[in-house]
N, C-alpha and C. Protein backbone atom coordinates (compact mmCIF):
# COMPACT_ATOMS: atom_id res chain seq x y z
N MET A 1 4.46 1.92 -3.21
CA MET A 1 5.03 2.71 -4.43
C MET A 1 4.06 4.03 -4.82
N VAL A 2 4.74 5.02 -4.77
CA VAL A 2 4.21 5.74 -5.91
C VAL A 2 5.21 6.59 -6.99
N GLU A 3 4.03 6.08 -7.49
CA GLU A 3 4.55 7.37 -9.20
C GLU A 3 3.34 8.42 -9.87
N VAL A 4 4.70 9.76 -9.98
CA VAL A 4 4.87 10.93 -10.57
C VAL A 4 5.00 11.01 -11.62
N GLU A 5 4.59 11.72 -12.38
CA GLU A 5 4.37 11.75 -13.45
C GLU A 5 5.24 12.97 -14.57
N ARG A 6 6.05 12.66 -14.68
CA ARG A 6 6.86 13.77 -14.88
C ARG A 6 6.71 15.24 -13.69
N PRO A 7 7.94 14.56 -13.10
CA PRO A 7 8.16 15.42 -10.99
C PRO A 7 9.28 15.95 -12.18
N ASP A 8 8.57 16.99 -10.91
CA ASP A 8 9.69 18.17 -10.74
C ASP A 8 11.60 17.41 -10.16
N ALA A 9 12.66 18.69 -10.73
CA ALA A 9 13.65 18.43 -10.18
C ALA A 9 13.51 19.19 -9.18
N ASN A 10 14.59 18.24 -8.48
CA ASN A 10 14.97 18.30 -7.05
C ASN A 10 13.82 18.19 -5.92
N THR A 11 12.50 17.78 -6.03
CA THR A 11 11.79 17.88 -5.72
C THR A 11 11.85 16.29 -4.93
N ALA A 12 11.54 16.11 -3.60
CA ALA A 12 11.58 14.88 -2.95
C ALA A 12 9.99 14.23 -3.04
N ILE A 13 10.28 12.78 -3.60
CA ILE A 13 8.77 12.39 -3.08
C ILE A 13 8.97 11.35 -2.95
N VAL A 14 7.89 10.97 -2.06
CA VAL A 14 7.92 10.51 -1.07
C VAL A 14 7.25 8.68 -1.05
N ALA A 15 7.31 7.28 -0.15
CA ALA A 15 7.33 6.13 -0.38
C ALA A 15 7.49 5.87 0.77
N ALA A 16 6.27 5.10 1.45
CA ALA A 16 6.38 4.09 3.15
C ALA A 16 6.02 2.66 2.90
N VAL A 17 6.25 2.45 4.01
CA VAL A 17 4.98 0.79 3.98
C VAL A 17 5.47 0.25 5.03
N ASP A 18 4.46 0.02 6.94
CA ASP A 18 4.48 -0.07 7.28
C ASP A 18 3.77 -1.94 7.91
N CYS A 19 4.69 -2.19 8.45
CA CYS A 19 4.42 -3.82 8.99
C CYS A 19 3.01 -3.33 9.00
N LEU A 20 2.84 -5.16 9.48
CA LEU A 20 0.96 -4.36 9.78
C LEU A 20 1.54 -5.15 12.02
N ALA A 21 0.31 -4.25 12.57
CA ALA A 21 0.37 -4.25 13.97
C ALA A 21 0.36 -5.89 14.85
N GLY A 22 1.96 -5.57 15.43
CA GLY A 22 2.45 -5.90 16.33
C GLY A 22 3.33 -7.41 15.14
N GLU A 23 3.80 -6.85 13.98
CA GLU A 23 4.95 -6.92 13.69
C GLU A 23 6.75 -5.56 13.86
N GLN A 24 8.12 -6.06 13.47
CA GLN A 24 8.38 -5.80 14.41
C GLN A 24 10.01 -5.67 12.50
N VAL A 25 9.62 -4.43 12.38
CA VAL A 25 10.82 -4.41 11.14
C VAL A 25 11.94 -5.03 11.13
N ILE A 26 12.89 -5.53 10.26
CA ILE A 26 13.88 -5.90 10.41
C ILE A 26 14.38 -5.71 9.24
N GLY A 27 14.46 -4.98 8.09
CA GLY A 27 14.75 -4.31 7.52
C GLY A 27 14.22 -3.65 6.54
N GLY A 28 14.45 -3.71 4.76
CA GLY A 28 13.53 -2.96 4.10
C GLY A 28 14.80 -2.16 2.94
N GLY A 29 14.59 -1.33 2.17
CA GLY A 29 14.92 -0.85 1.45
C GLY A 29 14.43 -0.57 0.02
N THR A 30 14.72 0.81 -0.39
CA THR A 30 14.12 1.86 -1.89
C THR A 30 15.09 1.44 -2.81
N THR A 31 13.74 1.96 -3.67
CA THR A 31 14.46 1.71 -5.95
C THR A 31 13.92 3.00 -6.26
N VAL A 32 14.13 3.34 -7.18
CA VAL A 32 13.93 4.27 -7.45
C VAL A 32 14.47 3.92 -9.64
N SER A 33 13.03 4.48 -10.37
CA SER A 33 13.29 4.06 -11.74
C SER A 33 12.21 4.59 -12.89
N ALA A 34 11.68 4.65 -14.01
CA ALA A 34 11.63 5.27 -14.56
C ALA A 34 10.68 4.73 -15.29
N THR A 35 8.83 5.07 -16.32
CA THR A 35 8.90 4.58 -17.14
C THR A 35 9.47 4.00 -18.73
N ASP A 36 10.37 5.20 -19.07
CA ASP A 36 11.32 4.91 -19.30
C ASP A 36 12.52 4.49 -18.84
N PRO A 37 12.50 3.31 -19.53
CA PRO A 37 13.96 2.42 -18.66
C PRO A 37 15.47 3.10 -19.54
N THR A 38 15.20 3.73 -20.69
CA THR A 38 16.67 5.13 -21.12
C THR A 38 16.53 6.48 -20.40
N GLU A 39 15.54 6.27 -19.28
CA GLU A 39 15.05 7.56 -18.41
C GLU A 39 17.06 7.69 -17.10
N THR A 40 17.53 8.58 -16.46
CA THR A 40 18.71 8.19 -15.82
C THR A 40 18.91 8.95 -13.95
N ARG A 41 17.87 10.52 -14.89
CA ARG A 41 17.65 11.68 -14.41
C ARG A 41 17.07 11.26 -12.94
N PHE A 42 17.70 10.64 -11.75
CA PHE A 42 16.92 10.44 -10.71
C PHE A 42 17.94 10.37 -9.49
N HIS A 43 17.19 10.01 -8.01
CA HIS A 43 18.56 8.88 -7.59
C HIS A 43 17.77 9.29 -6.93
N VAL A 44 18.99 8.04 -5.58
CA VAL A 44 17.62 8.07 -4.17
C VAL A 44 18.61 8.53 -3.33
N LEU A 45 17.67 9.40 -2.67
CA LEU A 45 17.60 10.79 -1.60
C LEU A 45 18.09 10.31 -0.24
N SER A 46 17.16 9.39 0.67
CA SER A 46 17.12 8.47 1.92
C SER A 46 15.79 7.02 1.94
N SER A 47 16.33 6.29 2.40
CA SER A 47 15.81 4.48 2.89
C SER A 47 16.39 4.38 4.14
N GLY A 48 15.64 3.82 4.59
CA GLY A 48 15.90 3.42 6.36
C GLY A 48 13.70 3.41 6.58
N PRO A 49 14.35 2.43 8.40
CA PRO A 49 13.54 1.79 9.37
C PRO A 49 12.54 3.21 9.60
N THR A 50 11.14 3.41 10.39
CA THR A 50 10.69 4.25 10.33
C THR A 50 10.35 2.94 11.90
N PRO A 51 9.23 3.49 13.05
CA PRO A 51 9.40 2.86 14.14
C PRO A 51 8.14 1.71 13.45
N THR A 52 7.51 1.62 12.21
CA THR A 52 6.85 0.53 11.30
C THR A 52 6.99 0.51 10.52
N GLY A 53 8.14 0.12 9.88
CA GLY A 53 8.14 0.71 8.49
C GLY A 53 9.07 0.71 8.08
N TRP A 54 9.29 0.96 7.04
CA TRP A 54 10.28 1.70 6.25
C TRP A 54 9.51 3.38 4.95
N LEU A 55 11.46 3.49 4.87
CA LEU A 55 10.58 5.46 3.92
C LEU A 55 11.60 5.38 3.39
N GLY A 56 11.34 5.83 2.43
CA GLY A 56 12.09 5.75 1.14
C GLY A 56 12.13 7.14 0.43
N MET A 57 12.69 8.37 0.10
CA MET A 57 13.02 9.17 -0.62
C MET A 57 14.07 9.31 -2.11
N ALA A 58 13.15 9.63 -3.08
CA ALA A 58 13.99 9.88 -4.15
C ALA A 58 12.92 11.19 -4.76
N ALA A 59 14.08 11.36 -6.01
CA ALA A 59 14.09 13.06 -5.95
C ALA A 59 14.66 12.80 -8.09
N ALA A 60 14.39 13.27 -8.87
CA ALA A 60 14.38 13.52 -10.04
C ALA A 60 15.88 14.36 -10.26
N THR A 61 16.80 14.37 -11.13
CA THR A 61 16.93 16.01 -10.70
C THR A 61 17.93 16.32 -12.39
N GLY A 62 16.97 15.50 -13.33
CA GLY A 62 16.48 16.47 -14.54
C GLY A 62 14.95 16.30 -14.54
N ARG A 63 14.77 17.33 -16.04
CA ARG A 63 13.17 16.71 -16.32
C ARG A 63 12.86 15.90 -16.79
N PHE A 64 11.85 14.65 -17.15
CA PHE A 64 11.34 14.37 -17.21
C PHE A 64 10.54 14.31 -18.80
N GLY A 65 10.75 12.98 -20.11
CA GLY A 65 10.07 13.57 -21.60
C GLY A 65 8.64 13.67 -20.57
N PRO A 66 7.90 13.85 -21.93
CA PRO A 66 6.42 14.05 -21.78
C PRO A 66 5.46 12.75 -21.71
N GLY A 67 4.59 12.09 -20.86
CA GLY A 67 4.34 10.65 -20.93
C GLY A 67 5.35 10.32 -19.17
N VAL A 68 6.10 10.25 -19.39
CA VAL A 68 7.81 9.61 -17.88
C VAL A 68 7.20 9.67 -17.01
N SER A 69 6.89 8.91 -16.14
CA SER A 69 7.12 8.95 -15.63
C SER A 69 7.71 8.25 -14.40
N MET A 70 8.43 8.49 -12.85
CA MET A 70 9.39 8.74 -11.50
C MET A 70 8.87 6.81 -10.59
N ILE A 71 9.20 6.46 -9.98
CA ILE A 71 8.78 5.31 -9.60
C ILE A 71 9.41 5.11 -8.25
N VAL A 72 8.77 5.42 -7.73
CA VAL A 72 9.85 5.00 -6.08
C VAL A 72 8.89 4.17 -4.93
N THR A 73 9.15 2.99 -4.89
CA THR A 73 9.41 1.94 -4.05
C THR A 73 10.06 1.61 -2.78
N ALA A 74 9.32 1.48 -2.21
CA ALA A 74 9.81 1.28 -0.58
C ALA A 74 9.94 -0.31 -0.50
N THR A 75 10.09 -1.21 0.97
CA THR A 75 10.23 -2.62 1.19
C THR A 75 10.05 -2.32 1.69
N VAL A 76 10.19 -3.45 2.92
CA VAL A 76 10.21 -3.63 4.64
C VAL A 76 9.73 -4.69 4.60
N TYR A 77 10.51 -5.49 5.82
CA TYR A 77 10.38 -7.06 5.53
C TYR A 77 10.47 -6.47 7.89
N CYS A 78 9.68 -7.20 7.45
CA CYS A 78 9.38 -7.33 9.00
C CYS A 78 8.68 -9.38 9.35
N LEU A 79 9.49 -8.59 11.05
CA LEU A 79 9.64 -10.21 12.08
C LEU A 79 8.32 -10.15 12.74
N GLY A 80 7.24 -11.57 12.64
CA GLY A 80 6.15 -11.27 13.31
C GLY A 80 6.59 -12.28 15.14
N SER A 81 6.12 -11.12 15.28
CA SER A 81 5.91 -12.18 17.00
C SER A 81 5.41 -13.88 17.69
């Protein structure tokens, strides 16, 4: 999870998570939200697997209000060997 207060518009915020050593990536996803639930000026740019985990990128589409943060969360599902 990555949290950025008042992110710049159109600047990618990257969240990444890895499986434990010896595990295999079997799925995952990316979510984006704001600390103010009325803030909706954001979107996911990409979400996909890496060789060891999951990588997500999101960006704000406009300037957030004072004290409002954007939260990007990457989730990975792993299979142990």
